[in-house]
Amino acid sequence: MRKPKFINNPQMKAMQRNLIIIGCILSAFFVSGPSLLAQTISYRLFVKLEEAPFEDLSLLDYTEDRKIAIEGQRMETYMWKFTIPDSIVLNSQSMSLRVKGYDSVSNTISLVRFISEDSDSEQPIGNVGVEDEDTYIYAKFKEKSVNPDQYISLKTKNKEDSLITADIIRYDFSITAENNIESDIRVRSAAHSFSMFDDEDKPYEEQLAAYKHIAKQHPDSRYLITQLASSLTNYKSKKDIQSIYDNLSDKYKDGFWATQIKRFVDGKFENESLPSLYTKKQEKIIQDSTKYNLIVFTASWCIPCLEEIPLLKKIYNDLGHRLNITYITIDRQEEIANFRKVVEEHDIPWPSLLAFESVKEVRQKFFVERIPHCVLISPDFDMNVLDVRDELERQQLYDQLTL
């Protein structure tokens, strides 16, 4: 029996927060046949994996804190059917196929990935989705590989997430020509990095133009509107987001993800109350709306957040006459003492508020996809995401407040 290695040091805590959970959820709720989650089942996913070297297959939805596994119904050789409640599809962002969840005996987890043979690069696709009420995926077995000692987040029913090392078994399948060009899996393979701006060799404007082109090519794609709504803070301006959104059709513009996009582009900052670090009393996030306010989302375990402190202090000293700064920590309650130690050791002069009672809601409300995350609020409560670590954006802040 190969035992997992448990990771406990602070840096691994940081990794744990930002890790994409890849499916080792021991307490996942399995659904087979009639759904217990909703009376009406609207979507079916059919997956045909030719020459698959396994018999069982499940679909894991791990959107946000939701961990639901749906067991595939074996229809024929190499074909599985998944019945997905519309309550899941409504706001599903991350679904993947897995052969087997975490096995404590072998210390492994087994996943399915897809490879596009007609792509310039064999970029593996780990997530899947549904487009219409019936969605199909056709693929053929390519190879099996093992990645040893990978970090995975393990959740049990009675324990919090634990970061461990385990071997990941990957079953790669080539996407076949049977898939319609507008199918979810084909769009994902063609636009696997849509809205990510992760090509360091291409300037922002070139990548933006490419995303516009993709949106024009596949205007009815649920994947594209979901990916756009999940990556809003990657864009430099709301105008850029709108230019992508305008190229998408109205097919999903009454749905959850379209609402998120509209709220980000058109919405105003909602000034709610959170507990103060020192008094524990509820305080408004913005105390003085006559000034600009920089709201900084942070945490004690976040290394980039700590590295950002000198920049924030300089901004505070240079622009404090026109700008207030407020910390909001997403630390859990048991970590608040660690955050207080950070504040005291670094002599932080601005107020600090706590979000531990409603971290999920706060992150959704203020579009916190990762930390550090800064939101600049104008006196009329317009809000814009700002990366103070980016020299150009920092200079724009100075220019704006020193006019």
Protein backbone atom coordinates (compact mmCIF):
# COMPACT_ATOMS: atom_id res chain seq x y z
CA MET A 1 0.00 0.00 0.00
CA ARG A 2 1.44 3.35 -1.08
CA LYS A 3 0.63 6.03 1.47
CA PRO A 4 -0.09 9.65 0.54
CA LYS A 5 2.11 12.47 1.75
CA PHE A 6 0.19 15.14 3.64
CA ILE A 7 1.35 18.72 3.18
CA ASN A 8 1.08 21.08 6.14
CA ASN A 9 3.42 24.03 5.71
CA PRO A 10 2.09 27.55 4.97
CA GLN A 11 3.19 27.57 1.33
CA MET A 12 1.20 24.44 0.70
CA LYS A 13 -1.79 26.12 2.32
CA ALA A 14 -1.49 28.79 -0.32
CA MET A 15 -1.31 26.15 -3.03
CA GLN A 16 -4.36 24.49 -1.58
CA ARG A 17 -6.47 27.62 -1.93
CA ASN A 18 -5.54 28.12 -5.57
CA LEU A 19 -5.46 24.48 -6.63
CA ILE A 20 -8.06 23.32 -9.13
CA ILE A 21 -9.73 20.42 -7.37
CA ILE A 22 -9.39 17.51 -9.76
CA GLY A 23 -11.88 15.11 -8.42
CA CYS A 24 -10.73 13.34 -5.27
CA ILE A 25 -13.95 14.01 -3.41
CA LEU A 26 -14.74 11.12 -1.11
CA SER A 27 -18.06 12.58 -0.08
CA ALA A 28 -19.33 13.30 -3.62
CA PHE A 29 -23.03 12.62 -4.09
CA PHE A 30 -23.69 10.00 -6.77
CA VAL A 31 -26.79 10.32 -8.93
CA SER A 32 -27.99 7.46 -11.07
CA GLY A 33 -31.39 7.20 -12.71
CA PRO A 34 -34.03 9.67 -11.39
CA SER A 35 -32.34 12.68 -9.88
CA LEU A 36 -32.67 13.55 -6.22
CA LEU A 37 -31.59 17.11 -6.92
CA ALA A 38 -34.45 18.22 -9.16
CA GLN A 39 -37.74 16.89 -10.39
CA THR A 40 -37.05 17.87 -14.00
CA ILE A 41 -33.99 16.49 -15.78
CA SER A 42 -33.22 18.51 -18.87
CA TYR A 43 -29.79 17.48 -20.11
CA ARG A 44 -28.14 14.28 -21.24
CA LEU A 45 -24.47 13.79 -22.06
CA PHE A 46 -23.55 10.80 -24.25
CA VAL A 47 -19.88 9.82 -24.24
CA LYS A 48 -18.48 7.24 -26.66
CA LEU A 49 -14.87 6.31 -25.93
CA GLU A 50 -13.68 3.73 -28.45
CA GLU A 51 -11.27 1.10 -27.08
CA ALA A 52 -11.61 2.50 -23.55
CA PRO A 53 -9.64 0.20 -21.18
CA PHE A 54 -12.21 0.55 -18.38
CA GLU A 55 -15.88 -0.15 -17.73
CA ASP A 56 -16.97 2.51 -15.25
CA LEU A 57 -17.12 6.25 -15.84
CA SER A 58 -18.48 9.12 -13.76
CA LEU A 59 -18.98 12.84 -14.28
CA LEU A 60 -17.81 15.19 -11.54
CA ASP A 61 -19.14 18.74 -11.22
CA TYR A 62 -16.80 20.71 -8.97
CA THR A 63 -18.06 24.23 -9.59
CA GLU A 64 -17.12 26.38 -6.56
CA ASP A 65 -17.92 24.41 -3.39
CA ARG A 66 -20.33 22.04 -5.12
CA LYS A 67 -18.99 18.49 -5.35
CA ILE A 68 -21.44 16.25 -7.18
CA ALA A 69 -20.61 13.04 -9.03
CA ILE A 70 -23.01 11.53 -11.54
CA GLU A 71 -22.52 7.89 -12.34
CA GLY A 72 -22.53 7.04 -16.03
CA GLN A 73 -25.04 4.51 -17.33
CA ARG A 74 -23.33 1.96 -19.57
CA MET A 75 -25.47 1.82 -22.72
CA GLU A 76 -23.31 -0.31 -24.98
CA THR A 77 -19.66 -1.14 -25.46
CA TYR A 78 -17.66 2.06 -24.98
CA MET A 79 -20.78 4.25 -24.59
CA TRP A 80 -22.01 5.96 -21.41
CA LYS A 81 -24.99 8.23 -20.74
CA PHE A 82 -25.10 10.89 -18.02
CA THR A 83 -28.38 12.47 -16.94
CA ILE A 84 -27.67 15.94 -15.53
CA PRO A 85 -30.25 18.00 -13.61
CA ASP A 86 -30.83 21.45 -15.06
CA SER A 87 -30.13 22.84 -11.59
CA ILE A 88 -26.50 21.80 -12.11
CA VAL A 89 -26.22 22.89 -15.75
CA LEU A 90 -27.58 26.35 -14.88
CA ASN A 91 -24.30 27.58 -13.40
CA SER A 92 -21.90 24.72 -14.01
CA GLN A 93 -18.38 25.87 -14.74
CA SER A 94 -16.18 22.83 -14.14
CA MET A 95 -17.11 19.25 -15.02
CA SER A 96 -14.71 16.42 -15.72
CA LEU A 97 -14.85 12.70 -16.46
CA ARG A 98 -13.13 10.33 -14.12
CA VAL A 99 -12.60 6.61 -14.24
CA LYS A 100 -12.08 6.26 -10.53
CA GLY A 101 -12.02 8.64 -7.60
CA TYR A 102 -9.26 8.70 -5.05
CA ASP A 103 -8.11 5.16 -4.18
CA SER A 104 -6.42 5.16 -0.78
CA VAL A 105 -4.95 1.67 -1.34
CA SER A 106 -3.00 2.58 -4.49
CA ASN A 107 -2.92 6.31 -3.68
CA THR A 108 -4.16 7.14 -7.17
CA ILE A 109 -6.91 8.98 -8.98
CA SER A 110 -7.88 8.18 -12.58
CA LEU A 111 -9.09 10.87 -15.01
CA VAL A 112 -10.08 11.21 -18.67
CA ARG A 113 -8.66 13.88 -20.98
CA PHE A 114 -9.29 14.70 -24.63
CA ILE A 115 -6.76 15.56 -27.34
CA SER A 116 -7.59 17.34 -30.60
CA GLU A 117 -5.66 15.82 -33.48
CA ASP A 118 -6.45 18.74 -35.83
CA SER A 119 -5.07 21.38 -33.46
CA ASP A 120 -1.68 23.01 -33.85
CA SER A 121 -0.75 21.73 -30.39
CA GLU A 122 -2.00 18.65 -28.62
CA GLN A 123 -3.40 20.62 -25.73
CA PRO A 124 -5.22 18.19 -23.41
CA ILE A 125 -8.80 19.13 -22.51
CA GLY A 126 -9.70 18.12 -18.95
CA ASN A 127 -13.16 19.66 -18.63
CA VAL A 128 -16.35 18.87 -20.49
CA GLY A 129 -19.76 20.54 -20.76
CA VAL A 130 -23.18 20.33 -22.32
CA GLU A 131 -24.51 22.49 -25.13
CA ASP A 132 -28.09 21.44 -25.72
CA GLU A 133 -30.44 18.96 -24.09
CA ASP A 134 -28.53 16.13 -25.78
CA THR A 135 -24.75 16.53 -26.07
CA TYR A 136 -22.38 13.97 -27.61
CA ILE A 137 -18.66 13.33 -27.27
CA TYR A 138 -16.89 10.90 -29.61
CA ALA A 139 -13.27 9.93 -28.99
CA LYS A 140 -10.82 7.07 -29.40
CA PHE A 141 -8.31 5.81 -26.84
CA LYS A 142 -4.83 7.20 -27.42
CA GLU A 143 -2.67 6.38 -24.41
CA LYS A 144 -2.44 5.99 -20.67
CA SER A 145 0.07 7.90 -18.57
CA VAL A 146 0.92 8.26 -14.91
CA ASN A 147 2.03 11.49 -13.24
CA PRO A 148 3.54 10.55 -9.86
CA ASP A 149 3.44 12.61 -6.68
CA GLN A 150 1.02 15.30 -7.85
CA TYR A 151 -0.66 17.69 -5.41
CA ILE A 152 -4.38 17.04 -5.08
CA SER A 153 -7.01 18.41 -2.72
CA LEU A 154 -8.73 15.66 -0.78
CA LYS A 155 -12.07 16.29 0.88
CA THR A 156 -13.92 13.94 3.20
CA LYS A 157 -17.38 14.28 4.68
CA ASN A 158 -16.19 15.19 8.18
CA LYS A 159 -12.86 16.85 7.49
CA GLU A 160 -11.65 19.96 5.76
CA ASP A 161 -9.66 19.87 2.55
CA SER A 162 -6.26 18.24 2.86
CA LEU A 163 -3.47 18.76 0.37
CA ILE A 164 -1.75 15.46 -0.38
CA THR A 165 0.48 13.94 -3.03
CA ALA A 166 -0.86 11.08 -5.11
CA ASP A 167 -0.33 9.51 -8.52
CA ILE A 168 -2.66 10.76 -11.25
CA ILE A 169 -3.53 8.21 -13.92
CA ARG A 170 -4.61 9.92 -17.12
CA TYR A 171 -6.49 8.21 -19.94
CA ASP A 172 -6.09 10.34 -23.08
CA PHE A 173 -8.58 10.09 -25.94
CA SER A 174 -8.34 11.62 -29.41
CA ILE A 175 -11.38 13.65 -30.45
CA THR A 176 -12.80 12.08 -33.62
CA ALA A 177 -14.38 13.63 -36.71
CA GLU A 178 -17.85 12.46 -35.63
CA ASN A 179 -18.07 15.48 -33.32
CA ASN A 180 -19.96 18.41 -34.81
CA ILE A 181 -17.81 21.52 -35.33
CA GLU A 182 -20.09 23.43 -32.92
CA SER A 183 -20.10 20.70 -30.27
CA ASP A 184 -18.90 21.64 -26.80
CA ILE A 185 -15.82 19.43 -26.97
CA ARG A 186 -14.75 20.80 -30.38
CA VAL A 187 -15.15 24.41 -29.26
CA ARG A 188 -13.19 23.67 -26.09
CA SER A 189 -10.36 22.10 -28.06
CA ALA A 190 -10.26 25.05 -30.48
CA ALA A 191 -10.46 27.67 -27.71
CA HIS A 192 -8.97 25.95 -24.67
CA SER A 193 -7.40 29.16 -23.37
CA PHE A 194 -10.27 31.51 -24.24
CA SER A 195 -10.15 34.68 -22.08
CA MET A 196 -7.07 33.47 -20.20
CA PHE A 197 -4.49 35.81 -21.84
CA ASP A 198 -1.84 33.21 -21.00
CA ASP A 199 0.32 33.43 -24.14
CA GLU A 200 3.36 35.38 -22.99
CA ASP A 201 4.67 35.60 -26.54
CA LYS A 202 1.65 37.55 -27.81
CA PRO A 203 0.62 41.06 -26.75
CA TYR A 204 -2.71 41.60 -25.02
CA GLU A 205 -4.30 43.25 -28.07
CA GLU A 206 -3.45 40.31 -30.33
CA GLN A 207 -4.97 37.81 -27.91
CA LEU A 208 -8.06 40.00 -27.50
CA ALA A 209 -8.52 40.06 -31.27
CA ALA A 210 -8.23 36.27 -31.35
CA TYR A 211 -10.94 35.94 -28.68
CA LYS A 212 -13.24 38.22 -30.69
CA HIS A 213 -12.70 36.04 -33.72
CA ILE A 214 -13.49 32.87 -31.76
CA ALA A 215 -16.69 34.45 -30.39
CA LYS A 216 -17.76 35.33 -33.93
CA GLN A 217 -17.04 31.78 -35.07
CA HIS A 218 -19.01 30.13 -32.24
CA PRO A 219 -21.61 32.68 -31.08
CA ASP A 220 -23.96 30.03 -29.63
CA SER A 221 -21.35 28.39 -27.39
CA ARG A 222 -22.26 27.91 -23.74
CA TYR A 223 -18.58 27.21 -23.03
CA LEU A 224 -17.47 30.61 -24.37
CA ILE A 225 -19.97 32.65 -22.35
CA THR A 226 -19.12 30.61 -19.24
CA GLN A 227 -15.40 31.08 -19.78
CA LEU A 228 -15.84 34.81 -20.36
CA ALA A 229 -17.86 35.22 -17.15
CA SER A 230 -15.25 33.23 -15.21
CA SER A 231 -12.31 35.33 -16.46
CA LEU A 232 -13.59 38.90 -16.28
CA THR A 233 -10.65 40.19 -14.27
CA ASN A 234 -8.21 39.05 -16.96
CA TYR A 235 -9.44 41.84 -19.24
CA LYS A 236 -7.95 45.31 -19.07
CA SER A 237 -11.24 47.13 -19.47
CA LYS A 238 -14.99 46.67 -19.37
CA LYS A 239 -15.04 47.85 -22.97
CA ASP A 240 -12.92 44.85 -23.97
CA ILE A 241 -15.30 42.49 -22.18
CA GLN A 242 -18.27 44.09 -23.91
CA SER A 243 -16.58 43.66 -27.30
CA ILE A 244 -16.40 39.90 -26.73
CA TYR A 245 -19.92 39.68 -25.28
CA ASP A 246 -21.42 41.55 -28.25
CA ASN A 247 -20.14 38.83 -30.59
CA LEU A 248 -22.04 36.10 -28.74
CA SER A 249 -25.63 35.31 -29.65
CA ASP A 250 -28.66 35.76 -27.40
CA LYS A 251 -28.91 31.99 -26.81
CA TYR A 252 -27.63 32.16 -23.21
CA LYS A 253 -27.98 35.87 -22.48
CA ASP A 254 -30.87 35.32 -20.08
CA GLY A 255 -28.84 32.86 -18.01
CA PHE A 256 -26.64 32.91 -14.92
CA TRP A 257 -23.33 33.64 -16.65
CA ALA A 258 -24.71 36.49 -18.75
CA THR A 259 -26.06 38.05 -15.57
CA GLN A 260 -22.57 37.90 -14.05
CA ILE A 261 -21.07 39.62 -17.07
CA LYS A 262 -23.69 42.39 -17.09
CA ARG A 263 -23.27 42.95 -13.36
CA PHE A 264 -19.51 43.32 -13.78
CA VAL A 265 -19.75 45.67 -16.78
CA ASP A 266 -22.72 47.78 -15.68
CA GLY A 267 -23.05 47.26 -11.95
CA LYS A 268 -22.26 49.61 -9.10
CA PHE A 269 -20.39 48.74 -5.91
CA GLU A 270 -22.71 47.58 -3.13
CA ASN A 271 -21.41 48.90 0.16
CA GLU A 272 -22.09 46.15 2.67
CA SER A 273 -20.87 45.62 6.24
CA LEU A 274 -18.29 43.14 7.52
CA PRO A 275 -16.72 42.51 10.95
CA SER A 276 -13.69 44.61 11.86
CA LEU A 277 -10.46 42.75 12.62
CA TYR A 278 -10.02 44.45 16.00
CA THR A 279 -13.48 45.37 17.26
CA LYS A 280 -15.42 42.51 15.60
CA LYS A 281 -18.21 45.05 15.09
CA GLN A 282 -19.87 45.38 11.71
CA GLU A 283 -18.41 48.21 9.63
CA LYS A 284 -19.19 49.49 6.16
CA ILE A 285 -16.52 48.61 3.61
CA ILE A 286 -16.48 52.21 2.40
CA GLN A 287 -16.47 54.75 5.22
CA ASP A 288 -15.87 57.86 3.12
CA SER A 289 -17.43 57.93 -0.35
CA THR A 290 -16.07 61.40 -1.14
CA LYS A 291 -12.72 59.75 -1.88
CA TYR A 292 -11.70 56.93 -4.15
CA ASN A 293 -11.49 53.63 -2.30
CA LEU A 294 -9.15 50.72 -3.04
CA ILE A 295 -10.55 47.46 -1.66
CA VAL A 296 -7.85 44.80 -1.36
CA PHE A 297 -8.82 41.14 -0.95
CA THR A 298 -6.07 39.22 0.79
CA ALA A 299 -5.23 36.37 3.19
CA SER A 300 -2.50 35.46 5.66
CA TRP A 301 -1.37 32.44 3.64
CA CYS A 302 -1.15 34.28 0.29
CA ILE A 303 2.51 34.88 -0.59
CA PRO A 304 1.81 37.36 -3.46
CA CYS A 305 -0.41 39.31 -1.04
CA LEU A 306 2.48 39.70 1.37
CA GLU A 307 4.81 40.73 -1.45
CA GLU A 308 2.31 43.39 -2.49
CA ILE A 309 2.37 45.20 0.86
CA PRO A 310 5.28 47.59 0.05
CA LEU A 311 3.47 48.71 -3.12
CA LEU A 312 0.25 49.31 -1.22
CA LYS A 313 2.11 51.30 1.45
CA LYS A 314 3.68 53.53 -1.18
CA ILE A 315 0.27 54.11 -2.80
CA TYR A 316 -1.20 54.86 0.62
CA ASN A 317 1.53 57.39 1.41
CA ASP A 318 1.49 59.01 -2.02
CA LEU A 319 -2.27 59.15 -2.67
CA GLY A 320 -3.80 58.98 0.81
CA HIS A 321 -5.25 62.47 0.48
CA ARG A 322 -7.55 61.20 -2.30
CA LEU A 323 -7.62 57.45 -1.71
CA ASN A 324 -8.65 55.15 1.14
CA ILE A 325 -7.43 51.56 1.32
CA THR A 326 -9.31 48.73 3.03
CA TYR A 327 -8.26 45.11 3.49
CA ILE A 328 -10.81 42.29 3.29
CA THR A 329 -9.30 38.97 4.29
CA ILE A 330 -10.81 35.69 3.11
CA ASP A 331 -9.02 33.79 5.87
CA ARG A 332 -11.11 31.21 7.69
CA GLN A 333 -12.03 31.96 11.29
CA GLU A 334 -9.27 29.77 12.71
CA GLU A 335 -6.72 31.69 10.59
CA ILE A 336 -7.71 35.19 11.72
CA ALA A 337 -4.97 35.20 14.36
CA ASN A 338 -2.42 34.61 11.58
CA PHE A 339 -3.84 37.50 9.59
CA ARG A 340 -3.74 39.79 12.62
CA LYS A 341 -0.07 38.87 13.06
CA VAL A 342 0.59 39.87 9.42
CA VAL A 343 -1.13 43.23 9.94
CA GLU A 344 0.83 43.95 13.09
CA GLU A 345 4.22 42.76 11.82
CA HIS A 346 3.91 44.88 8.67
CA ASP A 347 2.42 47.85 10.52
CA ILE A 348 -0.57 48.09 8.19
CA PRO A 349 -2.20 51.53 8.68
CA TRP A 350 -5.50 50.96 6.84
CA PRO A 351 -8.63 49.19 8.15
CA SER A 352 -9.02 45.41 7.90
CA LEU A 353 -12.34 43.59 7.62
CA LEU A 354 -13.17 39.88 7.89
CA ALA A 355 -15.11 37.81 5.35
CA PHE A 356 -14.95 34.40 7.07
CA GLU A 357 -18.70 34.33 7.72
CA SER A 358 -19.54 34.61 4.01
CA VAL A 359 -16.41 33.99 1.93
CA LYS A 360 -18.25 32.38 -0.97
CA GLU A 361 -20.80 35.19 -1.21
CA VAL A 362 -18.13 37.90 -0.90
CA ARG A 363 -15.99 36.32 -3.61
CA GLN A 364 -18.96 36.09 -5.96
CA LYS A 365 -20.20 39.58 -5.23
CA PHE A 366 -16.84 41.26 -5.83
CA PHE A 367 -15.57 38.93 -8.58
CA VAL A 368 -12.65 37.59 -6.56
CA GLU A 369 -11.25 34.89 -8.84
CA ARG A 370 -7.84 34.88 -7.18
CA ILE A 371 -5.92 36.90 -4.63
CA PRO A 372 -4.51 39.44 -4.26
CA HIS A 373 -7.50 41.14 -5.85
CA CYS A 374 -7.98 44.91 -5.84
CA VAL A 375 -11.13 46.82 -6.72
CA LEU A 376 -11.03 50.59 -7.23
CA ILE A 377 -14.28 52.33 -6.26
CA SER A 378 -14.97 55.85 -7.49
CA PRO A 379 -17.02 58.40 -5.47
CA ASP A 380 -20.06 57.54 -7.61
CA PHE A 381 -19.54 53.83 -6.76
CA ASP A 382 -18.32 52.70 -10.18
CA MET A 383 -15.95 49.78 -9.67
CA ASN A 384 -13.00 48.56 -11.69
CA VAL A 385 -10.55 45.75 -11.02
CA LEU A 386 -6.99 47.01 -10.63
CA ASP A 387 -3.70 45.10 -10.41
CA VAL A 388 -1.36 47.37 -8.45
CA ARG A 389 1.52 45.01 -9.21
CA ASP A 390 1.23 45.92 -12.90
CA GLU A 391 3.37 49.00 -13.50
CA LEU A 392 1.13 50.38 -16.25
CA GLU A 393 -2.07 49.99 -14.20
CA ARG A 394 -0.36 51.49 -11.17
CA GLN A 395 0.69 54.51 -13.21
CA GLN A 396 -2.87 54.90 -14.50
CA LEU A 397 -4.05 55.00 -10.89
CA TYR A 398 -1.57 57.78 -10.10
CA ASP A 399 -2.57 59.68 -13.24
CA GLN A 400 -6.25 59.38 -12.39
CA LEU A 401 -5.88 60.58 -8.80
CA THR A 402 -3.39 63.37 -9.40
CA LEU A 403 -5.30 65.22 -12.13
